[in-house]
Amino acid sequence: MELSIRKAISKDIPQILSLLEQVLSIHAQGRPDLFIDHTTKYTKEELEEILQEESRPIFVAVKDEEVLGYAFCEIQVYENLNNMYDHKTLFIDDLCVDEAYRGEKIGKRLFQYVEEYAKEIDCNQITLNVWAFNEAAIHFYEQNGLCPMKYVMEKKI
């Protein structure tokens, strides 16, 4: 497969929105008490704004002009904190591969690209959040070298 990975541009937004809906569907199935199915995390207008922010790159995996996956990232810099050393993190806000192309190592290639980018901009680590119900995502991230850093816990009332 002739796949390339690059920063997203405005013309990618319709396809990114379609992938965002796939992600929301997974979340709505796993936590219907929190997520509204057939919606997206970002609107077209919000995506246009994000594309202008250097600190929030979106990378897309593309084949023949078709966006097959994306990685939303955010550069987070922590400086002059009383209780922590200065550090720079690349936070993966969202990573998705089109359900029709899962299993073809596109996610792995996207993650490797993000990891190289993080090294190039001198990040100390890559972080992300993953929902406990999303076992496939947890397995994917573990296979790519991530391990738990902290836990967010809840008690429904």
N, C-alpha and C. Protein backbone atom coordinates (compact mmCIF):
# COMPACT_ATOMS: atom_id res chain seq x y z
N MET A 1 0.85 -1.18 0.00
CA MET A 1 0.00 0.00 0.00
C MET A 1 0.89 1.24 0.00
N GLU A 2 0.67 2.13 -0.94
CA GLU A 2 1.42 3.39 -1.03
C GLU A 2 0.76 4.41 -0.11
N LEU A 3 1.23 4.46 1.10
CA LEU A 3 0.65 5.32 2.13
C LEU A 3 1.63 6.43 2.46
N SER A 4 1.12 7.63 2.61
CA SER A 4 1.98 8.73 3.07
C SER A 4 1.33 9.35 4.30
N ILE A 5 2.16 9.94 5.13
CA ILE A 5 1.68 10.62 6.33
C ILE A 5 2.17 12.05 6.26
N ARG A 6 1.25 12.98 6.52
CA ARG A 6 1.57 14.40 6.44
C ARG A 6 0.66 15.17 7.38
N LYS A 7 0.95 16.47 7.53
CA LYS A 7 0.05 17.32 8.31
C LYS A 7 -1.26 17.49 7.55
N ALA A 8 -2.35 17.52 8.28
CA ALA A 8 -3.66 17.70 7.67
C ALA A 8 -3.79 19.11 7.11
N ILE A 9 -4.62 19.22 6.07
CA ILE A 9 -4.94 20.51 5.47
C ILE A 9 -6.47 20.63 5.38
N SER A 10 -6.94 21.81 5.06
CA SER A 10 -8.38 22.09 5.06
C SER A 10 -9.18 21.11 4.22
N LYS A 11 -8.66 20.71 3.07
CA LYS A 11 -9.43 19.81 2.21
C LYS A 11 -9.62 18.42 2.82
N ASP A 12 -8.87 18.10 3.88
CA ASP A 12 -9.01 16.81 4.57
C ASP A 12 -10.17 16.80 5.56
N ILE A 13 -10.70 17.96 5.89
CA ILE A 13 -11.69 18.06 6.97
C ILE A 13 -12.91 17.16 6.78
N PRO A 14 -13.53 17.10 5.61
CA PRO A 14 -14.70 16.20 5.49
C PRO A 14 -14.38 14.75 5.84
N GLN A 15 -13.23 14.26 5.40
CA GLN A 15 -12.86 12.88 5.70
C GLN A 15 -12.49 12.72 7.18
N ILE A 16 -11.85 13.73 7.76
CA ILE A 16 -11.54 13.68 9.19
C ILE A 16 -12.82 13.63 10.01
N LEU A 17 -13.81 14.42 9.61
CA LEU A 17 -15.10 14.42 10.32
C LEU A 17 -15.76 13.04 10.27
N SER A 18 -15.64 12.37 9.14
CA SER A 18 -16.20 11.03 9.01
C SER A 18 -15.50 10.06 9.98
N LEU A 19 -14.18 10.18 10.08
CA LEU A 19 -13.44 9.33 11.02
C LEU A 19 -13.77 9.68 12.47
N LEU A 20 -13.93 10.97 12.75
CA LEU A 20 -14.32 11.38 14.10
C LEU A 20 -15.66 10.76 14.49
N GLU A 21 -16.56 10.64 13.53
CA GLU A 21 -17.85 10.01 13.81
C GLU A 21 -17.68 8.52 14.13
N GLN A 22 -16.75 7.85 13.43
CA GLN A 22 -16.47 6.45 13.74
C GLN A 22 -15.99 6.30 15.18
N VAL A 23 -15.10 7.19 15.60
CA VAL A 23 -14.58 7.14 16.97
C VAL A 23 -15.70 7.37 17.97
N LEU A 24 -16.54 8.37 17.70
CA LEU A 24 -17.63 8.67 18.63
C LEU A 24 -18.59 7.51 18.74
N SER A 25 -18.78 6.78 17.64
CA SER A 25 -19.67 5.62 17.68
C SER A 25 -19.13 4.55 18.63
N ILE A 26 -17.82 4.33 18.57
CA ILE A 26 -17.18 3.37 19.50
C ILE A 26 -17.38 3.83 20.94
N HIS A 27 -17.18 5.11 21.18
CA HIS A 27 -17.34 5.64 22.53
C HIS A 27 -18.79 5.58 22.98
N ALA A 28 -19.73 5.87 22.08
CA ALA A 28 -21.15 5.83 22.44
C ALA A 28 -21.60 4.41 22.75
N GLN A 29 -21.01 3.43 22.06
CA GLN A 29 -21.34 2.04 22.37
C GLN A 29 -20.77 1.63 23.73
N GLY A 30 -19.56 2.09 24.02
CA GLY A 30 -18.90 1.73 25.27
C GLY A 30 -19.41 2.49 26.48
N ARG A 31 -19.79 3.75 26.27
CA ARG A 31 -20.29 4.58 27.38
C ARG A 31 -21.49 5.41 26.89
N PRO A 32 -22.63 4.74 26.67
CA PRO A 32 -23.81 5.46 26.19
C PRO A 32 -24.33 6.48 27.21
N ASP A 33 -23.89 6.38 28.44
CA ASP A 33 -24.27 7.36 29.46
C ASP A 33 -23.52 8.68 29.30
N LEU A 34 -22.44 8.68 28.51
CA LEU A 34 -21.63 9.88 28.35
C LEU A 34 -21.63 10.43 26.92
N PHE A 35 -21.56 9.54 25.93
CA PHE A 35 -21.34 9.97 24.56
C PHE A 35 -22.62 9.90 23.72
N ILE A 36 -22.79 10.88 22.86
CA ILE A 36 -23.94 10.97 21.97
C ILE A 36 -23.54 10.43 20.61
N ASP A 37 -24.17 9.33 20.20
CA ASP A 37 -23.84 8.70 18.93
C ASP A 37 -24.18 9.65 17.76
N HIS A 38 -23.49 9.44 16.65
CA HIS A 38 -23.70 10.22 15.41
C HIS A 38 -23.33 11.69 15.59
N THR A 39 -22.37 11.95 16.46
CA THR A 39 -21.83 13.30 16.63
C THR A 39 -20.32 13.21 16.44
N THR A 40 -19.65 14.33 16.57
CA THR A 40 -18.20 14.35 16.49
C THR A 40 -17.64 15.21 17.60
N LYS A 41 -16.41 14.94 17.96
CA LYS A 41 -15.72 15.68 19.02
C LYS A 41 -15.49 17.14 18.62
N TYR A 42 -15.24 17.38 17.33
CA TYR A 42 -14.99 18.71 16.82
C TYR A 42 -15.91 19.01 15.64
N THR A 43 -16.21 20.29 15.45
CA THR A 43 -16.97 20.72 14.29
C THR A 43 -16.01 21.11 13.17
N LYS A 44 -16.56 21.33 12.00
CA LYS A 44 -15.75 21.78 10.86
C LYS A 44 -15.02 23.07 11.22
N GLU A 45 -15.71 23.99 11.86
CA GLU A 45 -15.12 25.28 12.23
C GLU A 45 -14.00 25.10 13.26
N GLU A 46 -14.22 24.22 14.22
CA GLU A 46 -13.18 23.96 15.21
C GLU A 46 -11.95 23.32 14.56
N LEU A 47 -12.18 22.43 13.60
CA LEU A 47 -11.05 21.81 12.90
C LEU A 47 -10.27 22.85 12.11
N GLU A 48 -10.96 23.79 11.48
CA GLU A 48 -10.28 24.86 10.75
C GLU A 48 -9.36 25.64 11.69
N GLU A 49 -9.84 25.92 12.90
CA GLU A 49 -9.03 26.64 13.89
C GLU A 49 -7.84 25.81 14.35
N ILE A 50 -8.06 24.53 14.62
CA ILE A 50 -6.98 23.66 15.08
C ILE A 50 -5.87 23.58 14.03
N LEU A 51 -6.26 23.52 12.76
CA LEU A 51 -5.26 23.43 11.69
C LEU A 51 -4.33 24.65 11.65
N GLN A 52 -4.76 25.75 12.23
CA GLN A 52 -3.94 26.97 12.26
C GLN A 52 -3.00 27.02 13.47
N GLU A 53 -3.19 26.10 14.42
CA GLU A 53 -2.41 26.13 15.66
C GLU A 53 -1.18 25.22 15.55
N GLU A 54 -0.02 25.83 15.64
CA GLU A 54 1.24 25.06 15.57
C GLU A 54 1.36 24.06 16.71
N SER A 55 0.76 24.38 17.85
CA SER A 55 0.90 23.51 19.02
C SER A 55 -0.07 22.33 19.00
N ARG A 56 -0.92 22.27 17.96
CA ARG A 56 -1.91 21.18 17.88
C ARG A 56 -1.90 20.54 16.48
N PRO A 57 -0.79 19.93 16.08
CA PRO A 57 -0.75 19.34 14.74
C PRO A 57 -1.68 18.14 14.61
N ILE A 58 -2.26 18.02 13.44
CA ILE A 58 -3.04 16.84 13.08
C ILE A 58 -2.30 16.18 11.93
N PHE A 59 -1.97 14.91 12.10
CA PHE A 59 -1.30 14.16 11.05
C PHE A 59 -2.31 13.20 10.42
N VAL A 60 -2.24 13.05 9.10
CA VAL A 60 -3.16 12.16 8.41
C VAL A 60 -2.37 11.13 7.60
N ALA A 61 -2.91 9.92 7.58
CA ALA A 61 -2.38 8.85 6.73
C ALA A 61 -3.24 8.85 5.47
N VAL A 62 -2.58 9.03 4.32
CA VAL A 62 -3.30 9.23 3.07
C VAL A 62 -2.84 8.24 2.01
N LYS A 63 -3.81 7.73 1.27
CA LYS A 63 -3.53 6.90 0.09
C LYS A 63 -4.43 7.40 -1.03
N ASP A 64 -3.84 7.80 -2.14
CA ASP A 64 -4.61 8.29 -3.29
C ASP A 64 -5.60 9.38 -2.89
N GLU A 65 -5.15 10.34 -2.10
CA GLU A 65 -5.97 11.49 -1.65
C GLU A 65 -7.05 11.12 -0.65
N GLU A 66 -7.12 9.85 -0.24
CA GLU A 66 -8.11 9.44 0.75
C GLU A 66 -7.46 9.36 2.12
N VAL A 67 -8.07 10.03 3.10
CA VAL A 67 -7.58 10.00 4.47
C VAL A 67 -8.04 8.70 5.11
N LEU A 68 -7.08 7.85 5.46
CA LEU A 68 -7.38 6.54 6.04
C LEU A 68 -7.23 6.53 7.55
N GLY A 69 -6.61 7.57 8.09
CA GLY A 69 -6.42 7.66 9.53
C GLY A 69 -5.86 9.00 9.91
N TYR A 70 -5.91 9.29 11.20
CA TYR A 70 -5.38 10.56 11.69
C TYR A 70 -4.83 10.40 13.09
N ALA A 71 -4.01 11.38 13.47
CA ALA A 71 -3.55 11.51 14.86
C ALA A 71 -3.62 12.99 15.21
N PHE A 72 -4.49 13.33 16.14
CA PHE A 72 -4.58 14.68 16.67
C PHE A 72 -3.57 14.77 17.81
N CYS A 73 -2.69 15.74 17.75
CA CYS A 73 -1.66 15.88 18.78
C CYS A 73 -1.71 17.26 19.41
N GLU A 74 -1.11 17.36 20.59
CA GLU A 74 -1.01 18.65 21.27
C GLU A 74 0.32 18.70 22.01
N ILE A 75 1.08 19.74 21.72
CA ILE A 75 2.36 19.93 22.41
C ILE A 75 2.07 20.60 23.75
N GLN A 76 2.50 19.96 24.82
CA GLN A 76 2.26 20.49 26.17
C GLN A 76 3.62 20.73 26.84
N VAL A 77 3.83 21.96 27.29
CA VAL A 77 5.09 22.33 27.94
C VAL A 77 4.80 22.65 29.40
N TYR A 78 5.55 22.02 30.27
CA TYR A 78 5.42 22.23 31.72
C TYR A 78 6.72 22.84 32.21
N GLU A 79 6.65 24.09 32.68
CA GLU A 79 7.84 24.80 33.14
C GLU A 79 7.57 25.51 34.45
N ASN A 80 8.63 25.58 35.24
CA ASN A 80 8.61 26.36 36.48
C ASN A 80 7.51 25.94 37.44
N LEU A 81 7.26 24.66 37.52
CA LEU A 81 6.29 24.15 38.49
C LEU A 81 7.01 23.85 39.79
N ASN A 82 6.34 24.02 40.88
CA ASN A 82 6.95 23.79 42.19
C ASN A 82 7.33 22.34 42.42
N ASN A 83 6.54 21.43 41.88
CA ASN A 83 6.70 20.02 42.23
C ASN A 83 7.17 19.11 41.10
N MET A 84 7.48 19.69 39.93
CA MET A 84 7.88 18.85 38.79
C MET A 84 9.05 19.48 38.05
N TYR A 85 9.84 18.61 37.46
CA TYR A 85 10.89 19.10 36.57
C TYR A 85 10.25 19.62 35.29
N ASP A 86 10.92 20.55 34.65
CA ASP A 86 10.46 21.03 33.35
C ASP A 86 10.44 19.86 32.38
N HIS A 87 9.37 19.78 31.59
CA HIS A 87 9.31 18.74 30.56
C HIS A 87 8.33 19.13 29.47
N LYS A 88 8.49 18.45 28.35
CA LYS A 88 7.67 18.71 27.17
C LYS A 88 7.07 17.38 26.72
N THR A 89 5.77 17.39 26.56
CA THR A 89 5.02 16.19 26.23
C THR A 89 4.30 16.36 24.90
N LEU A 90 4.23 15.31 24.12
CA LEU A 90 3.34 15.29 22.97
C LEU A 90 2.15 14.45 23.38
N PHE A 91 1.02 15.09 23.54
CA PHE A 91 -0.22 14.43 23.94
C PHE A 91 -0.99 14.05 22.68
N ILE A 92 -1.33 12.78 22.56
CA ILE A 92 -2.18 12.34 21.46
C ILE A 92 -3.63 12.47 21.92
N ASP A 93 -4.30 13.45 21.37
CA ASP A 93 -5.69 13.72 21.73
C ASP A 93 -6.62 12.68 21.12
N ASP A 94 -6.28 12.17 19.96
CA ASP A 94 -7.15 11.22 19.27
C ASP A 94 -6.33 10.55 18.17
N LEU A 95 -6.50 9.26 18.01
CA LEU A 95 -5.86 8.52 16.92
C LEU A 95 -6.90 7.55 16.38
N CYS A 96 -7.09 7.56 15.07
CA CYS A 96 -8.12 6.71 14.46
C CYS A 96 -7.66 6.23 13.10
N VAL A 97 -8.03 5.00 12.79
CA VAL A 97 -7.87 4.45 11.44
C VAL A 97 -9.27 4.06 10.98
N ASP A 98 -9.57 4.39 9.74
CA ASP A 98 -10.87 4.05 9.17
C ASP A 98 -11.13 2.57 9.39
N GLU A 99 -12.35 2.25 9.85
CA GLU A 99 -12.68 0.85 10.17
C GLU A 99 -12.50 -0.08 8.98
N ALA A 100 -12.61 0.44 7.76
CA ALA A 100 -12.43 -0.40 6.57
C ALA A 100 -10.97 -0.77 6.34
N TYR A 101 -10.04 -0.09 7.03
CA TYR A 101 -8.60 -0.32 6.80
C TYR A 101 -7.88 -0.79 8.06
N ARG A 102 -8.61 -1.09 9.11
CA ARG A 102 -7.96 -1.55 10.34
C ARG A 102 -7.31 -2.91 10.10
N GLY A 103 -6.21 -3.14 10.78
CA GLY A 103 -5.48 -4.39 10.61
C GLY A 103 -4.41 -4.32 9.53
N GLU A 104 -4.27 -3.16 8.88
CA GLU A 104 -3.28 -3.02 7.81
C GLU A 104 -2.04 -2.23 8.25
N LYS A 105 -1.86 -2.11 9.56
CA LYS A 105 -0.68 -1.46 10.16
C LYS A 105 -0.63 0.06 9.93
N ILE A 106 -1.76 0.67 9.56
CA ILE A 106 -1.81 2.11 9.36
C ILE A 106 -1.67 2.82 10.70
N GLY A 107 -2.34 2.32 11.72
CA GLY A 107 -2.23 2.91 13.05
C GLY A 107 -0.80 2.85 13.57
N LYS A 108 -0.14 1.73 13.35
CA LYS A 108 1.26 1.58 13.78
C LYS A 108 2.13 2.61 13.08
N ARG A 109 1.93 2.78 11.78
CA ARG A 109 2.73 3.76 11.03
C ARG A 109 2.43 5.18 11.49
N LEU A 110 1.17 5.47 11.77
CA LEU A 110 0.82 6.80 12.28
C LEU A 110 1.51 7.04 13.63
N PHE A 111 1.44 6.03 14.51
CA PHE A 111 2.05 6.19 15.82
C PHE A 111 3.56 6.38 15.69
N GLN A 112 4.21 5.61 14.84
CA GLN A 112 5.65 5.75 14.63
C GLN A 112 5.99 7.15 14.11
N TYR A 113 5.17 7.67 13.22
CA TYR A 113 5.38 9.02 12.69
C TYR A 113 5.27 10.05 13.82
N VAL A 114 4.25 9.90 14.64
CA VAL A 114 4.07 10.80 15.78
C VAL A 114 5.26 10.70 16.74
N GLU A 115 5.73 9.49 16.97
CA GLU A 115 6.88 9.30 17.86
C GLU A 115 8.12 10.00 17.31
N GLU A 116 8.37 9.86 16.03
CA GLU A 116 9.51 10.56 15.41
C GLU A 116 9.36 12.07 15.51
N TYR A 117 8.15 12.56 15.28
CA TYR A 117 7.88 13.99 15.41
C TYR A 117 8.17 14.46 16.84
N ALA A 118 7.73 13.68 17.82
CA ALA A 118 7.96 14.03 19.23
C ALA A 118 9.47 14.12 19.52
N LYS A 119 10.23 13.21 18.97
CA LYS A 119 11.69 13.25 19.15
C LYS A 119 12.28 14.49 18.49
N GLU A 120 11.82 14.80 17.28
CA GLU A 120 12.33 15.96 16.54
C GLU A 120 12.10 17.27 17.29
N ILE A 121 11.00 17.37 18.01
CA ILE A 121 10.70 18.62 18.72
C ILE A 121 11.10 18.53 20.20
N ASP A 122 11.93 17.54 20.52
CA ASP A 122 12.53 17.39 21.85
C ASP A 122 11.52 17.15 22.98
N CYS A 123 10.53 16.33 22.73
CA CYS A 123 9.61 15.95 23.79
C CYS A 123 10.25 14.89 24.67
N ASN A 124 9.86 14.89 25.93
CA ASN A 124 10.35 13.88 26.87
C ASN A 124 9.49 12.62 26.85
N GLN A 125 8.25 12.76 26.39
CA GLN A 125 7.33 11.63 26.44
C GLN A 125 6.15 11.87 25.51
N ILE A 126 5.42 10.79 25.26
CA ILE A 126 4.15 10.84 24.56
C ILE A 126 3.11 10.35 25.56
N THR A 127 2.00 11.07 25.66
CA THR A 127 0.92 10.66 26.55
C THR A 127 -0.40 10.64 25.79
N LEU A 128 -1.36 9.95 26.35
CA LEU A 128 -2.71 9.93 25.78
C LEU A 128 -3.66 9.39 26.83
N ASN A 129 -4.93 9.55 26.55
CA ASN A 129 -5.98 8.96 27.38
C ASN A 129 -6.66 7.88 26.55
N VAL A 130 -7.05 6.80 27.21
CA VAL A 130 -7.80 5.75 26.54
C VAL A 130 -8.88 5.26 27.50
N TRP A 131 -10.07 5.08 26.98
CA TRP A 131 -11.18 4.63 27.81
C TRP A 131 -10.99 3.16 28.20
N ALA A 132 -11.31 2.83 29.45
CA ALA A 132 -11.10 1.48 29.97
C ALA A 132 -11.87 0.42 29.18
N PHE A 133 -13.02 0.77 28.61
CA PHE A 133 -13.80 -0.20 27.84
C PHE A 133 -13.17 -0.51 26.48
N ASN A 134 -12.26 0.32 26.01
CA ASN A 134 -11.72 0.19 24.66
C ASN A 134 -10.48 -0.72 24.68
N GLU A 135 -10.73 -2.00 24.86
CA GLU A 135 -9.65 -2.97 25.00
C GLU A 135 -8.77 -3.05 23.75
N ALA A 136 -9.37 -2.89 22.58
CA ALA A 136 -8.58 -2.95 21.34
C ALA A 136 -7.57 -1.80 21.31
N ALA A 137 -8.00 -0.61 21.71
CA ALA A 137 -7.09 0.55 21.74
C ALA A 137 -6.00 0.35 22.79
N ILE A 138 -6.39 -0.14 23.96
CA ILE A 138 -5.40 -0.38 25.01
C ILE A 138 -4.34 -1.35 24.51
N HIS A 139 -4.77 -2.43 23.87
CA HIS A 139 -3.84 -3.42 23.33
C HIS A 139 -2.93 -2.79 22.28
N PHE A 140 -3.51 -1.99 21.39
CA PHE A 140 -2.72 -1.31 20.35
C PHE A 140 -1.64 -0.44 20.98
N TYR A 141 -2.01 0.37 21.97
CA TYR A 141 -1.04 1.27 22.59
C TYR A 141 0.03 0.50 23.35
N GLU A 142 -0.35 -0.57 24.03
CA GLU A 142 0.64 -1.39 24.72
C GLU A 142 1.63 -2.00 23.71
N GLN A 143 1.13 -2.46 22.58
CA GLN A 143 2.01 -3.01 21.55
C GLN A 143 2.98 -1.97 21.01
N ASN A 144 2.62 -0.71 21.13
CA ASN A 144 3.48 0.38 20.65
C ASN A 144 4.30 1.01 21.77
N GLY A 145 4.40 0.30 22.90
CA GLY A 145 5.33 0.70 23.95
C GLY A 145 4.78 1.59 25.04
N LEU A 146 3.49 1.88 25.03
CA LEU A 146 2.92 2.70 26.09
C LEU A 146 2.53 1.84 27.28
N CYS A 147 2.57 2.45 28.45
CA CYS A 147 2.14 1.76 29.66
C CYS A 147 1.38 2.76 30.53
N PRO A 148 0.57 2.27 31.48
CA PRO A 148 -0.19 3.19 32.31
C PRO A 148 0.71 4.15 33.07
N MET A 149 0.28 5.41 33.11
CA MET A 149 1.00 6.45 33.84
C MET A 149 0.22 6.86 35.08
N LYS A 150 -1.09 6.93 34.95
CA LYS A 150 -1.97 7.24 36.07
C LYS A 150 -3.35 6.73 35.73
N TYR A 151 -4.22 6.67 36.69
CA TYR A 151 -5.58 6.20 36.48
C TYR A 151 -6.56 7.31 36.85
N VAL A 152 -7.61 7.45 36.06
CA VAL A 152 -8.74 8.29 36.40
C VAL A 152 -9.83 7.32 36.81
N MET A 153 -10.36 7.49 38.00
CA MET A 153 -11.35 6.55 38.50
C MET A 153 -12.67 7.26 38.71
N GLU A 154 -13.74 6.48 38.71
CA GLU A 154 -15.06 7.07 38.88
C GLU A 154 -15.93 6.19 39.75
N LYS A 155 -16.94 6.80 40.30
CA LYS A 155 -18.02 6.10 40.97
C LYS A 155 -19.29 6.75 40.49
N LYS A 156 -20.09 6.00 39.75
CA LYS A 156 -21.34 6.55 39.24
C LYS A 156 -22.33 6.70 40.38
N ILE A 157 -23.01 7.83 40.39
CA ILE A 157 -24.01 8.07 41.44
C ILE A 157 -25.31 8.58 40.84
